[in-house]
């Protein structure tokens, strides 16, 4: 289950020079998420959702896009028949920040 505290937080704009979390910190934050995988280089988190059909995949992609617009933190989204993969990373920081974990938790909460 996703950490409910993360899902109530709001993304903050990255200040110039914001450093990404190190792998250990990112790993600890991953424990608050269910179904998400961290990349081997600890710079991104991804969740692949299995859905029934293409329309459901588009619906999920649109929900992730809507969340990204609301939070000012936009995911990379890939979808096709039966799946939608959502990836969060903070490009400005070159890796993972709190914003990535907040958005992942908020997306999970929207789907709960």
C-alpha atoms as a PDB file:
ATOM      1  CA  UNK A   1       0.000   0.000   0.000  1.00  0.00           C
ATOM      2  CA  UNK A   2       1.175   3.511  -0.782  1.00  0.00           C
ATOM      3  CA  UNK A   3       2.305   5.775   2.062  1.00  0.00           C
ATOM      4  CA  UNK A   4      -0.762   7.976   2.712  1.00  0.00           C
ATOM      5  CA  UNK A   5       1.413  10.889   3.859  1.00  0.00           C
ATOM      6  CA  UNK A   6       3.144  11.095   0.475  1.00  0.00           C
ATOM      7  CA  UNK A   7      -0.218  11.234  -1.284  1.00  0.00           C
ATOM      8  CA  UNK A   8      -1.243  14.342   0.669  1.00  0.00           C
ATOM      9  CA  UNK A   9       1.856  16.358  -0.145  1.00  0.00           C
ATOM     10  CA  UNK A  10       2.178  18.818  -3.032  1.00  0.00           C
ATOM     11  CA  UNK A  11       5.109  19.043  -5.425  1.00  0.00           C
ATOM     12  CA  UNK A  12       7.416  22.003  -4.962  1.00  0.00           C
ATOM     13  CA  UNK A  13       9.300  23.734  -7.783  1.00  0.00           C
ATOM     14  CA  UNK A  14      12.939  22.688  -7.938  1.00  0.00           C
ATOM     15  CA  UNK A  15      15.345  25.409  -6.926  1.00  0.00           C
ATOM     16  CA  UNK A  16      18.435  25.920  -9.043  1.00  0.00           C
ATOM     17  CA  UNK A  17      21.016  23.334  -8.124  1.00  0.00           C
ATOM     18  CA  UNK A  18      18.573  20.900  -6.513  1.00  0.00           C
ATOM     19  CA  UNK A  19      20.414  17.636  -5.995  1.00  0.00           C
ATOM     20  CA  UNK A  20      18.714  14.298  -6.591  1.00  0.00           C
ATOM     21  CA  UNK A  21      18.302  11.779  -3.790  1.00  0.00           C
ATOM     22  CA  UNK A  22      21.105   9.289  -3.425  1.00  0.00           C
ATOM     23  CA  UNK A  23      20.272   5.625  -4.021  1.00  0.00           C
ATOM     24  CA  UNK A  24      19.888   4.869  -0.298  1.00  0.00           C
ATOM     25  CA  UNK A  25      17.411   7.715   0.277  1.00  0.00           C
ATOM     26  CA  UNK A  26      15.474   6.828  -2.862  1.00  0.00           C
ATOM     27  CA  UNK A  27      15.366   3.201  -1.727  1.00  0.00           C
ATOM     28  CA  UNK A  28      13.873   4.218   1.620  1.00  0.00           C
ATOM     29  CA  UNK A  29      11.248   6.329  -0.130  1.00  0.00           C
ATOM     30  CA  UNK A  30      10.393   3.383  -2.389  1.00  0.00           C
ATOM     31  CA  UNK A  31       9.207   1.512   0.694  1.00  0.00           C
ATOM     32  CA  UNK A  32       6.257   3.928   0.778  1.00  0.00           C
ATOM     33  CA  UNK A  33       5.098   2.857  -2.684  1.00  0.00           C
ATOM     34  CA  UNK A  34       3.564  -0.350  -3.975  1.00  0.00           C
ATOM     35  CA  UNK A  35       4.035  -1.600  -7.518  1.00  0.00           C
ATOM     36  CA  UNK A  36       6.683   0.947  -8.493  1.00  0.00           C
ATOM     37  CA  UNK A  37      10.198  -0.031  -9.587  1.00  0.00           C
ATOM     38  CA  UNK A  38      13.295   2.077  -9.303  1.00  0.00           C
ATOM     39  CA  UNK A  39      15.717   2.104 -12.230  1.00  0.00           C
ATOM     40  CA  UNK A  40      19.104   0.473 -11.705  1.00  0.00           C
ATOM     41  CA  UNK A  41      20.778   3.888 -11.632  1.00  0.00           C
ATOM     42  CA  UNK A  42      18.215   5.199  -9.068  1.00  0.00           C
ATOM     43  CA  UNK A  43      17.246   8.093 -11.345  1.00  0.00           C
ATOM     44  CA  UNK A  44      13.638   7.167 -12.153  1.00  0.00           C
ATOM     45  CA  UNK A  45      10.661   5.202 -10.874  1.00  0.00           C
ATOM     46  CA  UNK A  46       8.210   3.396 -13.146  1.00  0.00           C
ATOM     47  CA  UNK A  47       4.977   1.542 -12.720  1.00  0.00           C
ATOM     48  CA  UNK A  48       3.435  -0.518 -15.481  1.00  0.00           C
ATOM     49  CA  UNK A  49      -0.313  -0.837 -15.153  1.00  0.00           C
ATOM     50  CA  UNK A  50      -2.076  -3.724 -16.862  1.00  0.00           C
ATOM     51  CA  UNK A  51      -5.543  -2.739 -18.094  1.00  0.00           C
ATOM     52  CA  UNK A  52      -8.263  -4.220 -20.279  1.00  0.00           C
ATOM     53  CA  UNK A  53      -8.078  -2.797 -23.766  1.00  0.00           C
ATOM     54  CA  UNK A  54      -6.788   0.354 -25.398  1.00  0.00           C
ATOM     55  CA  UNK A  55      -9.374   2.847 -24.119  1.00  0.00           C
ATOM     56  CA  UNK A  56      -8.487   2.041 -20.489  1.00  0.00           C
ATOM     57  CA  UNK A  57      -4.799   2.570 -21.264  1.00  0.00           C
ATOM     58  CA  UNK A  58      -5.577   5.977 -22.784  1.00  0.00           C
ATOM     59  CA  UNK A  59      -7.759   6.832 -19.775  1.00  0.00           C
ATOM     60  CA  UNK A  60      -4.913   6.016 -17.393  1.00  0.00           C
ATOM     61  CA  UNK A  61      -2.414   7.984 -19.505  1.00  0.00           C
ATOM     62  CA  UNK A  62      -4.762  10.974 -19.415  1.00  0.00           C
ATOM     63  CA  UNK A  63      -5.122  10.682 -15.640  1.00  0.00           C
ATOM     64  CA  UNK A  64      -1.332  10.662 -15.219  1.00  0.00           C
ATOM     65  CA  UNK A  65      -1.058  13.673 -17.553  1.00  0.00           C
ATOM     66  CA  UNK A  66      -3.766  15.523 -15.614  1.00  0.00           C
ATOM     67  CA  UNK A  67      -1.953  14.838 -12.340  1.00  0.00           C
ATOM     68  CA  UNK A  68       1.315  16.051 -13.853  1.00  0.00           C
ATOM     69  CA  UNK A  69      -0.305  19.309 -14.910  1.00  0.00           C
ATOM     70  CA  UNK A  70      -1.897  19.822 -11.488  1.00  0.00           C
ATOM     71  CA  UNK A  71       1.383  19.168  -9.686  1.00  0.00           C
ATOM     72  CA  UNK A  72       3.655  20.896 -12.205  1.00  0.00           C
ATOM     73  CA  UNK A  73       5.673  17.688 -12.425  1.00  0.00           C
ATOM     74  CA  UNK A  74       5.152  15.795 -15.654  1.00  0.00           C
ATOM     75  CA  UNK A  75       5.707  12.053 -16.097  1.00  0.00           C
ATOM     76  CA  UNK A  76       6.923  10.163 -19.110  1.00  0.00           C
ATOM     77  CA  UNK A  77       4.046   7.995 -20.291  1.00  0.00           C
ATOM     78  CA  UNK A  78       3.990   5.019 -22.663  1.00  0.00           C
ATOM     79  CA  UNK A  79       0.829   3.101 -23.453  1.00  0.00           C
ATOM     80  CA  UNK A  80      -0.668   0.629 -25.841  1.00  0.00           C
ATOM     81  CA  UNK A  81      -3.315  -2.048 -25.903  1.00  0.00           C
ATOM     82  CA  UNK A  82      -3.577  -3.446 -22.375  1.00  0.00           C
ATOM     83  CA  UNK A  83      -0.928  -1.366 -20.609  1.00  0.00           C
ATOM     84  CA  UNK A  84       0.159   2.076 -19.482  1.00  0.00           C
ATOM     85  CA  UNK A  85       3.648   2.704 -18.084  1.00  0.00           C
ATOM     86  CA  UNK A  86       4.242   5.872 -16.066  1.00  0.00           C
ATOM     87  CA  UNK A  87       7.758   7.056 -15.234  1.00  0.00           C
ATOM     88  CA  UNK A  88       8.676   9.862 -12.872  1.00  0.00           C
ATOM     89  CA  UNK A  89      12.074  11.536 -12.703  1.00  0.00           C
ATOM     90  CA  UNK A  90      13.139  15.097 -11.998  1.00  0.00           C
ATOM     91  CA  UNK A  91      14.980  16.137 -15.136  1.00  0.00           C
ATOM     92  CA  UNK A  92      16.174  19.428 -13.588  1.00  0.00           C
ATOM     93  CA  UNK A  93      17.897  17.519 -10.771  1.00  0.00           C
ATOM     94  CA  UNK A  94      19.114  14.652 -12.924  1.00  0.00           C
ATOM     95  CA  UNK A  95      17.415  12.023 -10.795  1.00  0.00           C
ATOM     96  CA  UNK A  96      14.793  11.384  -8.147  1.00  0.00           C
ATOM     97  CA  UNK A  97      13.441  14.024  -5.774  1.00  0.00           C
ATOM     98  CA  UNK A  98      10.520  14.089  -3.355  1.00  0.00           C
ATOM     99  CA  UNK A  99       8.312  15.276  -6.235  1.00  0.00           C
ATOM    100  CA  UNK A 100       8.639  11.935  -8.008  1.00  0.00           C
ATOM    101  CA  UNK A 101       7.510   9.967  -4.976  1.00  0.00           C
ATOM    102  CA  UNK A 102       4.710  12.435  -4.244  1.00  0.00           C
ATOM    103  CA  UNK A 103       3.334  12.106  -7.778  1.00  0.00           C
ATOM    104  CA  UNK A 104       3.592   8.317  -7.720  1.00  0.00           C
ATOM    105  CA  UNK A 105       1.695   8.189  -4.423  1.00  0.00           C
ATOM    106  CA  UNK A 106      -0.916  10.661  -5.640  1.00  0.00           C
ATOM    107  CA  UNK A 107      -1.475   8.642  -8.828  1.00  0.00           C
ATOM    108  CA  UNK A 108      -1.925   5.497  -6.758  1.00  0.00           C
ATOM    109  CA  UNK A 109      -4.422   7.330  -4.529  1.00  0.00           C
ATOM    110  CA  UNK A 110      -6.422   8.458  -7.562  1.00  0.00           C
ATOM    111  CA  UNK A 111      -6.609   4.861  -8.757  1.00  0.00           C
ATOM    112  CA  UNK A 112      -7.539   3.386  -5.369  1.00  0.00           C
END
